[in-house]
């Protein structure tokens, strides 16, 4: 059994138990609903040793989302990205899901909220490729300009916002 912690958004502490290897967007969605978690819970897949991923989770929680984290191996993370439709060459260090959308990398929380509010046709998710300095979780002394991209099932991307 594997335990996953739901934190943030006033949820308190709740532990979900899922069979090893049985976690994924569909399993998590059912388990979250059964546990009474808020609809805007992000399920985050990340390396257990990546500090910027943890910083991004903090940013998401500070902006009102609840979070469930899955610390997984790099091999599992690559497979998760592929399964969730993240386009090749548009990856970052962590992947999340919320309400059926995929969130790849250091996407700002306000843009996750905008995506959930707008529900654009054909969009599978948002991506911030790489790890731009100055993006949420990657704060530093300097700031790079970066694009937040939408992507669809065919791997097409478009600029959703520029930061």
N, C-alpha and C. Protein backbone atom coordinates (compact mmCIF):
# COMPACT_ATOMS: atom_id res chain seq x y z
N UNK A 1 0.84 -1.19 0.00
CA UNK A 1 0.00 0.00 0.00
C UNK A 1 0.88 1.24 0.00
N UNK A 2 0.38 2.29 -0.62
CA UNK A 2 1.09 3.55 -0.70
C UNK A 2 0.18 4.63 -0.13
N UNK A 3 0.71 5.48 0.73
CA UNK A 3 -0.10 6.54 1.32
C UNK A 3 0.22 7.85 0.63
N UNK A 4 -0.79 8.62 0.37
CA UNK A 4 -0.64 9.92 -0.27
C UNK A 4 -1.35 10.95 0.57
N UNK A 5 -0.69 12.05 0.81
CA UNK A 5 -1.21 13.08 1.69
C UNK A 5 -1.96 14.14 0.92
N UNK A 6 -3.16 14.46 1.37
CA UNK A 6 -3.91 15.58 0.83
C UNK A 6 -3.69 16.73 1.78
N UNK A 7 -3.19 17.87 1.24
CA UNK A 7 -2.94 19.02 2.10
C UNK A 7 -3.51 20.27 1.45
N UNK A 8 -3.69 21.28 2.26
CA UNK A 8 -4.05 22.60 1.76
C UNK A 8 -5.53 22.86 1.67
N UNK A 9 -5.87 24.09 1.40
CA UNK A 9 -7.23 24.56 1.17
C UNK A 9 -8.18 24.17 2.29
N UNK A 10 -7.68 24.14 3.52
CA UNK A 10 -8.52 23.84 4.67
C UNK A 10 -8.94 22.39 4.75
N UNK A 11 -8.31 21.52 4.00
CA UNK A 11 -8.69 20.11 4.00
C UNK A 11 -8.23 19.42 5.27
N UNK A 12 -7.16 19.92 5.88
CA UNK A 12 -6.58 19.21 7.00
C UNK A 12 -5.74 18.07 6.48
N UNK A 13 -5.52 17.09 7.29
CA UNK A 13 -4.69 15.96 6.87
C UNK A 13 -5.59 14.77 6.62
N UNK A 14 -5.45 14.19 5.47
CA UNK A 14 -6.22 13.02 5.09
C UNK A 14 -5.29 12.11 4.31
N UNK A 15 -5.28 10.85 4.64
CA UNK A 15 -4.39 9.93 3.94
C UNK A 15 -5.23 8.99 3.08
N UNK A 16 -4.85 8.89 1.82
CA UNK A 16 -5.46 7.95 0.89
C UNK A 16 -4.54 6.76 0.76
N UNK A 17 -5.07 5.60 0.74
CA UNK A 17 -4.26 4.41 0.49
C UNK A 17 -4.66 3.85 -0.86
N UNK A 18 -3.68 3.65 -1.72
CA UNK A 18 -3.93 3.05 -3.02
C UNK A 18 -2.96 1.91 -3.21
N UNK A 19 -3.35 0.94 -3.97
CA UNK A 19 -2.46 -0.19 -4.24
C UNK A 19 -1.24 0.30 -5.00
N UNK A 20 -0.10 -0.28 -4.72
CA UNK A 20 1.12 0.11 -5.42
C UNK A 20 0.90 -0.02 -6.92
N UNK A 21 1.27 1.01 -7.64
CA UNK A 21 1.12 1.00 -9.09
C UNK A 21 -0.30 1.29 -9.53
N UNK A 22 -1.23 1.41 -8.60
CA UNK A 22 -2.61 1.64 -8.95
C UNK A 22 -3.01 3.10 -8.96
N UNK A 23 -2.07 3.97 -8.74
CA UNK A 23 -2.42 5.39 -8.74
C UNK A 23 -2.37 5.92 -10.16
N UNK A 24 -3.14 6.90 -10.40
CA UNK A 24 -3.20 7.55 -11.71
C UNK A 24 -4.38 8.49 -11.70
N UNK A 25 -4.56 9.26 -12.75
CA UNK A 25 -5.62 10.26 -12.76
C UNK A 25 -7.01 9.69 -12.49
N UNK A 26 -7.37 8.57 -13.11
CA UNK A 26 -8.70 8.01 -12.90
C UNK A 26 -8.85 7.46 -11.49
N UNK A 27 -7.86 6.72 -11.02
CA UNK A 27 -7.90 6.16 -9.67
C UNK A 27 -7.95 7.29 -8.65
N UNK A 28 -7.11 8.30 -8.84
CA UNK A 28 -7.06 9.42 -7.90
C UNK A 28 -8.39 10.18 -7.89
N UNK A 29 -8.99 10.40 -9.05
CA UNK A 29 -10.25 11.15 -9.12
C UNK A 29 -11.33 10.43 -8.32
N UNK A 30 -11.43 9.11 -8.45
CA UNK A 30 -12.42 8.33 -7.72
C UNK A 30 -12.12 8.36 -6.23
N UNK A 31 -10.86 8.16 -5.87
CA UNK A 31 -10.47 8.14 -4.45
C UNK A 31 -10.69 9.51 -3.82
N UNK A 32 -10.37 10.58 -4.53
CA UNK A 32 -10.56 11.93 -3.99
C UNK A 32 -12.04 12.21 -3.76
N UNK A 33 -12.87 11.83 -4.71
CA UNK A 33 -14.31 12.04 -4.55
C UNK A 33 -14.85 11.25 -3.36
N UNK A 34 -14.41 10.01 -3.23
CA UNK A 34 -14.85 9.16 -2.12
C UNK A 34 -14.39 9.73 -0.78
N UNK A 35 -13.24 10.38 -0.76
CA UNK A 35 -12.70 10.94 0.47
C UNK A 35 -13.29 12.31 0.78
N UNK A 36 -14.10 12.84 -0.12
CA UNK A 36 -14.71 14.14 0.10
C UNK A 36 -13.77 15.30 -0.13
N UNK A 37 -12.72 15.08 -0.92
CA UNK A 37 -11.76 16.16 -1.21
C UNK A 37 -12.40 17.20 -2.11
N UNK A 38 -11.95 18.45 -2.01
CA UNK A 38 -12.49 19.49 -2.88
C UNK A 38 -12.25 19.18 -4.35
N UNK A 39 -13.14 19.66 -5.22
CA UNK A 39 -13.02 19.41 -6.66
C UNK A 39 -11.74 19.97 -7.23
N UNK A 40 -11.23 21.03 -6.63
CA UNK A 40 -10.02 21.66 -7.16
C UNK A 40 -8.77 21.13 -6.49
N UNK A 41 -8.72 19.85 -6.27
CA UNK A 41 -7.53 19.21 -5.72
C UNK A 41 -6.59 18.85 -6.85
N UNK A 42 -5.35 19.33 -6.78
CA UNK A 42 -4.33 18.96 -7.76
C UNK A 42 -3.64 17.70 -7.28
N UNK A 43 -3.51 16.74 -8.18
CA UNK A 43 -2.77 15.52 -7.92
C UNK A 43 -1.42 15.70 -8.61
N UNK A 44 -0.35 15.74 -7.83
CA UNK A 44 0.98 16.08 -8.34
C UNK A 44 1.87 14.84 -8.34
N UNK A 45 2.49 14.59 -9.49
CA UNK A 45 3.45 13.49 -9.66
C UNK A 45 4.83 14.12 -9.75
N UNK A 46 5.75 13.73 -8.85
CA UNK A 46 7.05 14.38 -8.79
C UNK A 46 8.10 13.44 -8.22
N UNK A 47 9.34 13.85 -8.37
CA UNK A 47 10.46 13.14 -7.76
C UNK A 47 10.47 13.47 -6.27
N UNK A 48 10.80 12.52 -5.42
CA UNK A 48 10.83 12.81 -3.99
C UNK A 48 11.97 13.75 -3.59
N UNK A 49 12.94 13.97 -4.48
CA UNK A 49 14.11 14.77 -4.12
C UNK A 49 14.14 16.15 -4.77
N UNK A 50 13.13 16.52 -5.50
CA UNK A 50 13.14 17.79 -6.24
C UNK A 50 12.58 18.91 -5.37
N UNK A 51 13.44 19.84 -4.98
CA UNK A 51 13.02 20.95 -4.13
C UNK A 51 12.10 21.93 -4.82
N UNK A 52 12.34 22.20 -6.10
CA UNK A 52 11.49 23.18 -6.78
C UNK A 52 10.07 22.64 -6.96
N UNK A 53 9.92 21.33 -7.08
CA UNK A 53 8.58 20.73 -7.16
C UNK A 53 7.82 20.99 -5.86
N UNK A 54 8.50 20.80 -4.74
CA UNK A 54 7.88 21.05 -3.43
C UNK A 54 7.54 22.53 -3.28
N UNK A 55 8.40 23.41 -3.78
CA UNK A 55 8.12 24.85 -3.73
C UNK A 55 6.89 25.19 -4.57
N UNK A 56 6.75 24.54 -5.73
CA UNK A 56 5.57 24.78 -6.58
C UNK A 56 4.31 24.31 -5.87
N UNK A 57 4.37 23.15 -5.21
CA UNK A 57 3.23 22.65 -4.45
C UNK A 57 2.84 23.68 -3.39
N UNK A 58 3.81 24.25 -2.69
CA UNK A 58 3.53 25.29 -1.70
C UNK A 58 2.81 26.47 -2.35
N UNK A 59 3.28 26.90 -3.52
CA UNK A 59 2.65 28.01 -4.26
C UNK A 59 1.19 27.68 -4.58
N UNK A 60 0.94 26.47 -5.03
CA UNK A 60 -0.42 26.06 -5.39
C UNK A 60 -1.32 26.08 -4.15
N UNK A 61 -0.81 25.53 -3.04
CA UNK A 61 -1.59 25.52 -1.80
C UNK A 61 -1.85 26.94 -1.29
N UNK A 62 -0.85 27.81 -1.37
CA UNK A 62 -1.00 29.19 -0.91
C UNK A 62 -2.06 29.93 -1.72
N UNK A 63 -2.39 29.40 -2.88
CA UNK A 63 -3.39 30.02 -3.74
C UNK A 63 -4.73 29.28 -3.73
N UNK A 64 -4.97 28.53 -2.66
CA UNK A 64 -6.30 27.98 -2.41
C UNK A 64 -6.60 26.58 -2.92
N UNK A 65 -5.64 25.92 -3.52
CA UNK A 65 -5.87 24.55 -3.99
C UNK A 65 -5.45 23.55 -2.93
N UNK A 66 -6.14 22.43 -2.88
CA UNK A 66 -5.68 21.29 -2.11
C UNK A 66 -4.76 20.48 -3.01
N UNK A 67 -3.86 19.71 -2.42
CA UNK A 67 -2.86 18.97 -3.20
C UNK A 67 -2.70 17.56 -2.65
N UNK A 68 -2.60 16.61 -3.55
CA UNK A 68 -2.18 15.24 -3.24
C UNK A 68 -0.89 15.02 -3.99
N UNK A 69 0.15 14.57 -3.33
CA UNK A 69 1.42 14.33 -4.01
C UNK A 69 1.71 12.84 -4.11
N UNK A 70 2.29 12.47 -5.23
CA UNK A 70 2.80 11.12 -5.47
C UNK A 70 4.28 11.26 -5.77
N UNK A 71 5.13 10.83 -4.87
CA UNK A 71 6.57 10.81 -5.13
C UNK A 71 6.87 9.52 -5.87
N UNK A 72 7.33 9.66 -7.12
CA UNK A 72 7.54 8.49 -7.98
C UNK A 72 8.92 8.57 -8.63
N UNK A 73 9.33 7.46 -9.20
CA UNK A 73 10.64 7.40 -9.86
C UNK A 73 10.60 8.18 -11.17
N UNK A 74 11.78 8.49 -11.70
CA UNK A 74 11.88 9.19 -12.98
C UNK A 74 11.24 8.39 -14.11
N UNK A 75 11.38 7.09 -14.07
CA UNK A 75 10.77 6.23 -15.10
C UNK A 75 9.25 6.33 -15.02
N UNK A 76 8.70 6.25 -13.81
CA UNK A 76 7.25 6.37 -13.64
C UNK A 76 6.77 7.77 -14.04
N UNK A 77 7.57 8.79 -13.73
CA UNK A 77 7.19 10.16 -14.07
C UNK A 77 7.14 10.36 -15.58
N UNK A 78 8.12 9.82 -16.29
CA UNK A 78 8.13 9.91 -17.75
C UNK A 78 6.90 9.21 -18.33
N UNK A 79 6.57 8.04 -17.81
CA UNK A 79 5.40 7.30 -18.29
C UNK A 79 4.11 8.07 -17.98
N UNK A 80 4.05 8.70 -16.82
CA UNK A 80 2.87 9.49 -16.45
C UNK A 80 2.68 10.66 -17.41
N UNK A 81 3.77 11.36 -17.73
CA UNK A 81 3.69 12.48 -18.66
C UNK A 81 3.16 12.01 -20.02
N UNK A 82 3.69 10.89 -20.48
CA UNK A 82 3.26 10.35 -21.77
C UNK A 82 1.78 9.99 -21.73
N UNK A 83 1.36 9.30 -20.66
CA UNK A 83 -0.03 8.86 -20.51
C UNK A 83 -0.99 10.06 -20.45
N UNK A 84 -0.52 11.17 -19.86
CA UNK A 84 -1.38 12.34 -19.71
C UNK A 84 -1.33 13.29 -20.90
N UNK A 85 -0.55 12.95 -21.93
CA UNK A 85 -0.56 13.71 -23.17
C UNK A 85 0.36 14.91 -23.22
N UNK A 86 1.32 15.00 -22.30
CA UNK A 86 2.27 16.12 -22.35
C UNK A 86 3.10 15.98 -23.63
N UNK A 87 3.10 16.99 -24.47
CA UNK A 87 3.84 16.90 -25.74
C UNK A 87 5.34 16.75 -25.53
N UNK A 88 5.97 15.96 -26.37
CA UNK A 88 7.43 15.80 -26.34
C UNK A 88 8.08 17.16 -26.48
N UNK A 89 9.13 17.40 -25.74
CA UNK A 89 9.84 18.66 -25.81
C UNK A 89 9.19 19.77 -25.00
N UNK A 90 8.10 19.49 -24.33
CA UNK A 90 7.38 20.51 -23.53
C UNK A 90 7.32 20.11 -22.06
N UNK A 91 8.22 19.24 -21.63
CA UNK A 91 8.16 18.70 -20.28
C UNK A 91 8.93 19.56 -19.28
N UNK A 92 8.64 19.32 -18.03
CA UNK A 92 9.31 19.95 -16.91
C UNK A 92 9.56 18.88 -15.86
N UNK A 93 9.72 19.29 -14.62
CA UNK A 93 10.12 18.34 -13.58
C UNK A 93 8.96 17.69 -12.85
N UNK A 94 7.76 18.21 -12.95
CA UNK A 94 6.61 17.59 -12.28
C UNK A 94 5.38 17.75 -13.17
N UNK A 95 4.39 16.91 -12.89
CA UNK A 95 3.15 16.89 -13.65
C UNK A 95 2.00 16.80 -12.66
N UNK A 96 0.91 17.49 -12.94
CA UNK A 96 -0.26 17.44 -12.07
C UNK A 96 -1.52 17.27 -12.89
N UNK A 97 -2.57 16.85 -12.22
CA UNK A 97 -3.89 16.81 -12.85
C UNK A 97 -4.88 17.52 -11.93
N UNK A 98 -5.88 18.12 -12.56
CA UNK A 98 -6.98 18.75 -11.82
C UNK A 98 -8.18 18.80 -12.75
N UNK A 99 -9.30 18.28 -12.29
CA UNK A 99 -10.54 18.26 -13.07
C UNK A 99 -10.36 17.76 -14.49
N UNK A 100 -9.51 16.77 -14.68
CA UNK A 100 -9.30 16.19 -15.99
C UNK A 100 -8.27 16.90 -16.86
N UNK A 101 -7.73 18.01 -16.40
CA UNK A 101 -6.68 18.72 -17.12
C UNK A 101 -5.31 18.29 -16.60
N UNK A 102 -4.31 18.40 -17.45
CA UNK A 102 -2.93 18.13 -17.07
C UNK A 102 -2.21 19.45 -16.94
N UNK A 103 -1.45 19.58 -15.87
CA UNK A 103 -0.66 20.79 -15.61
C UNK A 103 0.80 20.34 -15.56
N UNK A 104 1.59 20.80 -16.50
CA UNK A 104 3.00 20.38 -16.63
C UNK A 104 3.92 21.51 -16.20
N UNK A 105 4.69 21.27 -15.16
CA UNK A 105 5.71 22.22 -14.76
C UNK A 105 5.21 23.36 -13.91
N UNK A 106 5.96 24.45 -13.95
CA UNK A 106 5.79 25.57 -13.03
C UNK A 106 4.73 26.57 -13.49
N UNK A 107 3.53 26.08 -13.72
CA UNK A 107 2.40 26.91 -14.14
C UNK A 107 1.91 27.72 -12.94
N UNK A 108 1.76 29.04 -13.08
CA UNK A 108 1.23 29.85 -11.98
C UNK A 108 -0.19 29.45 -11.61
N UNK A 109 -0.50 29.51 -10.32
CA UNK A 109 -1.81 29.10 -9.81
C UNK A 109 -2.95 29.89 -10.43
N UNK A 110 -2.73 31.19 -10.69
CA UNK A 110 -3.82 31.99 -11.26
C UNK A 110 -4.18 31.50 -12.67
N UNK A 111 -3.21 30.94 -13.39
CA UNK A 111 -3.51 30.42 -14.72
C UNK A 111 -4.18 29.05 -14.65
N UNK A 112 -3.87 28.27 -13.63
CA UNK A 112 -4.61 27.01 -13.41
C UNK A 112 -6.07 27.36 -13.14
N UNK A 113 -6.31 28.34 -12.28
CA UNK A 113 -7.68 28.77 -11.97
C UNK A 113 -8.38 29.29 -13.23
N UNK A 114 -7.67 30.08 -14.03
CA UNK A 114 -8.25 30.61 -15.29
C UNK A 114 -8.65 29.47 -16.22
N UNK A 115 -7.79 28.47 -16.35
CA UNK A 115 -8.09 27.30 -17.18
C UNK A 115 -9.37 26.62 -16.70
N UNK A 116 -9.49 26.42 -15.39
CA UNK A 116 -10.67 25.76 -14.83
C UNK A 116 -11.93 26.58 -15.04
N UNK A 117 -11.79 27.90 -15.01
CA UNK A 117 -12.95 28.78 -15.22
C UNK A 117 -13.35 28.85 -16.69
N UNK A 118 -12.36 28.95 -17.57
CA UNK A 118 -12.64 29.13 -19.00
C UNK A 118 -13.00 27.83 -19.72
N UNK A 119 -12.42 26.71 -19.32
CA UNK A 119 -12.66 25.41 -19.96
C UNK A 119 -12.55 25.49 -21.48
N UNK A 120 -11.39 25.91 -22.01
CA UNK A 120 -11.26 26.08 -23.46
C UNK A 120 -11.43 24.75 -24.21
N UNK A 121 -12.14 24.80 -25.33
CA UNK A 121 -12.40 23.61 -26.15
C UNK A 121 -11.10 22.97 -26.62
N UNK A 122 -11.03 21.65 -26.51
CA UNK A 122 -9.92 20.88 -27.06
C UNK A 122 -8.63 20.93 -26.26
N UNK A 123 -8.57 21.72 -25.22
CA UNK A 123 -7.33 21.84 -24.45
C UNK A 123 -7.23 20.71 -23.43
N UNK A 124 -6.10 19.99 -23.47
CA UNK A 124 -5.83 18.95 -22.47
C UNK A 124 -5.18 19.52 -21.22
N UNK A 125 -4.41 20.61 -21.40
CA UNK A 125 -3.74 21.15 -20.23
C UNK A 125 -2.85 22.32 -20.55
N UNK A 126 -2.08 22.70 -19.51
CA UNK A 126 -1.13 23.80 -19.60
C UNK A 126 0.27 23.28 -19.32
N UNK A 127 1.26 23.92 -19.93
CA UNK A 127 2.65 23.52 -19.71
C UNK A 127 3.56 24.75 -19.65
N UNK A 128 4.50 24.68 -18.73
CA UNK A 128 5.64 25.60 -18.71
C UNK A 128 6.86 24.70 -18.90
N UNK A 129 7.34 24.58 -20.14
CA UNK A 129 8.47 23.69 -20.39
C UNK A 129 9.73 24.15 -19.64
N UNK A 130 10.53 23.18 -19.26
CA UNK A 130 11.77 23.48 -18.56
C UNK A 130 11.51 23.97 -17.15
N UNK A 131 12.41 24.78 -16.68
CA UNK A 131 12.33 25.29 -15.32
C UNK A 131 12.76 26.76 -15.31
N UNK A 132 11.93 27.67 -15.88
CA UNK A 132 12.34 29.06 -15.99
C UNK A 132 12.53 29.73 -14.62
N UNK A 133 13.63 30.42 -14.49
CA UNK A 133 13.91 31.14 -13.25
C UNK A 133 12.90 32.27 -13.10
N UNK A 134 12.28 32.32 -11.94
CA UNK A 134 11.27 33.33 -11.68
C UNK A 134 9.86 32.80 -11.77
N UNK A 135 9.69 31.58 -12.29
CA UNK A 135 8.37 30.96 -12.31
C UNK A 135 8.07 30.44 -10.90
N UNK A 136 6.80 30.18 -10.57
CA UNK A 136 6.47 29.69 -9.23
C UNK A 136 7.26 28.42 -8.89
N UNK A 137 7.92 28.46 -7.76
CA UNK A 137 8.77 27.34 -7.33
C UNK A 137 10.21 27.50 -7.76
N UNK A 138 10.47 28.42 -8.67
CA UNK A 138 11.83 28.66 -9.20
C UNK A 138 12.26 30.12 -8.97
N UNK A 139 11.72 30.72 -7.92
CA UNK A 139 12.03 32.11 -7.63
C UNK A 139 13.53 32.27 -7.40
N UNK A 140 14.05 33.42 -7.76
CA UNK A 140 15.46 33.70 -7.58
C UNK A 140 15.73 35.18 -7.74
N UNK A 141 16.99 35.53 -7.81
CA UNK A 141 17.37 36.94 -7.93
C UNK A 141 17.06 37.52 -9.29
N UNK A 142 17.08 36.67 -10.31
CA UNK A 142 16.73 37.13 -11.65
C UNK A 142 15.44 36.46 -12.08
N UNK A 143 14.87 36.96 -13.16
CA UNK A 143 13.60 36.42 -13.64
C UNK A 143 13.65 36.30 -15.15
N UNK A 144 13.40 35.10 -15.65
CA UNK A 144 13.31 34.89 -17.10
C UNK A 144 11.86 35.09 -17.55
N UNK A 145 11.69 35.65 -18.73
CA UNK A 145 10.35 35.66 -19.33
C UNK A 145 10.07 34.25 -19.82
N UNK A 146 8.84 33.79 -19.68
CA UNK A 146 8.50 32.44 -20.13
C UNK A 146 7.06 32.41 -20.62
N UNK A 147 6.77 31.41 -21.45
CA UNK A 147 5.43 31.21 -21.98
C UNK A 147 4.74 30.08 -21.24
N UNK A 148 3.46 30.26 -20.99
CA UNK A 148 2.60 29.19 -20.50
C UNK A 148 1.81 28.74 -21.72
N UNK A 149 1.91 27.46 -22.03
CA UNK A 149 1.34 26.91 -23.25
C UNK A 149 0.10 26.07 -22.97
N UNK A 150 -0.85 26.09 -23.91
CA UNK A 150 -1.91 25.08 -23.92
C UNK A 150 -1.43 23.96 -24.82
N UNK A 151 -1.96 22.76 -24.60
CA UNK A 151 -1.71 21.66 -25.53
C UNK A 151 -2.96 20.82 -25.68
N UNK A 152 -3.05 20.16 -26.83
CA UNK A 152 -4.21 19.32 -27.12
C UNK A 152 -3.80 17.87 -27.33
N UNK A 153 -4.74 17.03 -27.66
CA UNK A 153 -4.49 15.59 -27.81
C UNK A 153 -3.54 15.26 -28.95
N UNK A 154 -3.44 16.14 -29.94
CA UNK A 154 -2.53 15.90 -31.07
C UNK A 154 -1.13 16.45 -30.80
N UNK A 155 -0.92 17.06 -29.64
CA UNK A 155 0.39 17.63 -29.32
C UNK A 155 0.58 19.05 -29.80
N UNK A 156 -0.48 19.66 -30.33
CA UNK A 156 -0.41 21.06 -30.75
C UNK A 156 -0.32 21.96 -29.52
N UNK A 157 0.49 23.00 -29.63
CA UNK A 157 0.63 23.94 -28.53
C UNK A 157 0.33 25.37 -28.99
N UNK A 158 -0.10 26.19 -28.06
CA UNK A 158 -0.35 27.61 -28.32
C UNK A 158 -0.01 28.37 -27.05
N UNK A 159 0.35 29.61 -27.20
CA UNK A 159 0.65 30.45 -26.03
C UNK A 159 -0.66 30.84 -25.35
N UNK A 160 -0.75 30.53 -24.09
CA UNK A 160 -1.92 30.87 -23.25
C UNK A 160 -1.66 32.17 -22.51
N UNK A 161 -0.43 32.37 -22.09
CA UNK A 161 -0.04 33.57 -21.36
C UNK A 161 1.47 33.70 -21.41
N UNK A 162 1.95 34.90 -21.28
CA UNK A 162 3.39 35.15 -21.23
C UNK A 162 3.69 35.85 -19.91
N UNK A 163 4.69 35.37 -19.21
CA UNK A 163 5.05 35.94 -17.90
C UNK A 163 6.45 36.46 -17.90
